[in-house]
Protein backbone atom coordinates (compact mmCIF):
# COMPACT_ATOMS: atom_id res chain seq x y z
CA MET A 1 -6.40 27.14 -54.19
CA SER A 2 -4.25 23.98 -53.85
CA GLU A 3 -1.98 25.90 -51.57
CA LEU A 4 -4.85 26.72 -49.26
CA SER A 5 -6.06 23.07 -49.12
CA GLY A 6 -2.47 21.97 -48.49
CA ALA A 7 -2.16 24.62 -45.71
CA ASN A 8 -5.54 23.35 -44.22
CA ALA A 9 -4.24 19.80 -44.32
CA VAL A 10 -1.00 20.69 -42.53
CA ALA A 11 -3.05 22.69 -39.93
CA GLU A 12 -5.32 19.76 -39.30
CA GLU A 13 -2.37 17.38 -38.99
CA THR A 14 -0.64 19.87 -36.54
CA ALA A 15 -3.84 20.03 -34.46
CA LYS A 16 -4.09 16.29 -34.23
CA ILE A 17 -0.40 15.99 -33.19
CA SER A 18 -0.88 18.77 -30.65
CA GLU A 19 -3.96 17.00 -29.27
CA ARG A 20 -2.06 13.72 -28.89
CA VAL A 21 0.79 15.51 -27.10
CA ALA A 22 -1.63 17.26 -24.77
CA LEU A 23 -3.43 13.95 -23.97
CA SER A 24 -0.05 12.26 -23.34
CA ASN A 25 1.03 15.04 -21.03
CA LYS A 26 -2.28 14.80 -19.18
CA HIS A 27 -1.85 11.08 -18.73
CA ALA A 28 1.73 11.56 -17.54
CA VAL A 29 0.63 14.18 -14.89
CA GLU A 30 -2.18 11.88 -13.73
CA LEU A 31 0.20 8.98 -13.46
CA LEU A 32 2.65 11.06 -11.45
CA VAL A 33 -0.02 12.47 -9.12
CA GLY A 34 -1.55 8.93 -8.60
CA SER A 35 1.90 7.45 -7.87
CA GLN A 36 2.49 10.27 -5.38
CA GLN A 37 -0.78 9.53 -3.67
CA ILE A 38 0.05 5.80 -3.39
CA VAL A 39 3.45 6.55 -1.92
CA LEU A 40 1.96 8.86 0.65
CA GLU A 41 -0.63 6.32 1.55
CA GLU A 42 2.10 3.72 2.00
CA LEU A 43 4.07 6.03 4.23
CA LEU A 44 0.98 6.62 6.42
CA PHE A 45 0.25 2.90 6.44
CA ALA A 46 3.87 2.06 7.45
CA SER A 47 3.84 4.62 10.33
CA ASN A 48 0.48 3.31 11.57
CA GLU A 49 1.69 -0.24 11.42
CA MET A 50 4.94 0.47 13.32
CA LEU A 51 2.98 2.21 16.07
CA ASP A 52 0.35 -0.61 16.23
CA ARG A 53 3.11 -3.24 16.30
CA ALA A 54 4.98 -1.46 19.11
CA ARG A 55 1.76 -1.09 21.12
CA THR A 56 0.97 -4.81 20.63
CA GLU A 57 4.41 -5.94 21.48
CA THR A 58 4.37 -3.78 24.62
CA HIS A 59 1.06 -5.30 25.56
CA LEU A 60 2.27 -8.89 24.95
CA PHE A 61 5.40 -8.23 27.06
CA ALA A 62 3.46 -6.72 29.91
CA GLU A 63 1.18 -9.79 29.81
CA PHE A 64 4.14 -12.09 29.86
CA VAL A 65 5.71 -10.33 32.79
CA SER A 66 2.51 -10.35 34.79
CA LYS A 67 2.03 -14.15 34.07
CA LEU A 68 5.66 -14.80 34.95
CA ALA A 69 5.21 -13.02 38.28
CA ALA A 70 2.21 -15.13 39.10
CA VAL A 71 3.92 -18.47 38.41
CA HIS A 72 4.88 -20.43 41.51
CA SER A 73 5.96 -23.84 40.11
CA VAL A 74 7.74 -25.54 37.23
CA LYS A 75 4.44 -26.81 35.90
CA GLY A 76 3.19 -23.25 35.98
CA VAL A 77 6.13 -22.02 33.97
CA GLN A 78 5.41 -24.71 31.35
CA VAL A 79 1.77 -23.70 31.05
CA MET A 80 2.68 -20.02 30.96
CA VAL A 81 5.20 -20.57 28.03
CA GLU A 82 2.65 -22.54 26.09
CA GLU A 83 0.04 -19.81 26.55
CA CYS A 84 2.35 -17.01 25.69
CA GLY A 85 3.76 -18.88 22.70
CA ARG A 86 0.19 -19.41 21.44
CA HIS A 87 -0.58 -15.70 21.87
CA GLN A 88 2.61 -14.76 20.02
CA LEU A 89 1.81 -17.14 17.13
CA ASP A 90 -1.76 -15.77 16.88
CA PHE A 91 -0.35 -12.27 16.80
CA VAL A 92 2.13 -13.17 14.01
CA ARG A 93 -0.58 -14.95 12.03
CA ARG A 94 -3.02 -11.86 12.31
CA ASP A 95 -0.10 -9.51 11.44
CA CYS A 96 0.79 -11.55 8.33
CA ASP A 97 -2.78 -11.71 7.23
CA ARG A 98 -3.09 -7.94 7.61
CA LEU A 99 0.03 -7.40 5.61
CA PHE A 100 -1.06 -9.74 2.87
CA LYS A 101 -4.38 -7.98 2.58
CA HIS A 102 -2.55 -4.66 2.42
CA GLY A 103 -0.19 -5.95 -0.31
CA GLN A 104 -3.10 -7.07 -2.26
CA ARG A 105 -4.76 -3.63 -1.91
CA LEU A 106 -1.52 -1.94 -2.96
CA ILE A 107 -1.22 -4.17 -6.06
CA ASP A 108 -4.86 -3.51 -6.97
CA ALA A 109 -4.32 0.28 -6.58
CA SER A 110 -1.19 0.22 -8.73
CA VAL A 111 -2.84 -1.89 -11.43
CA ASN A 112 -5.88 0.38 -11.40
CA LEU A 113 -3.70 3.47 -11.68
CA VAL A 114 -1.69 2.10 -14.67
CA GLY A 115 -4.72 0.39 -16.17
CA GLN A 116 -6.70 3.63 -16.29
CA ARG A 117 -3.99 5.25 -18.35
CA TRP A 118 -3.94 2.55 -20.99
CA ARG A 119 -7.76 2.42 -21.37
CA ASN A 120 -7.98 6.14 -22.23
């Protein structure tokens, strides 16, 4: 009888260990899939940002050329340079704000991904 109870205890311990291993494997797979999703989202974001940046820079350059063509005096050149410089600074500020917001979103997603694994 004691052999039977000993065998049951070993079977229960083996079941608990198997359950822990299965849960660990599940968490590892979820972490890998979540990481892959974040990386793919980042690649998509980077490609969209490069396209948007090129489009904006092209627009700013066309605006600069058209203003340069319309200038007829030294005073006009000075005003044009001030306006174009202001536009360029506004663009850089908006671009940095957008990148900082994206960085915050990326950090939040990464913390959320890892945090979910530790809570379970």
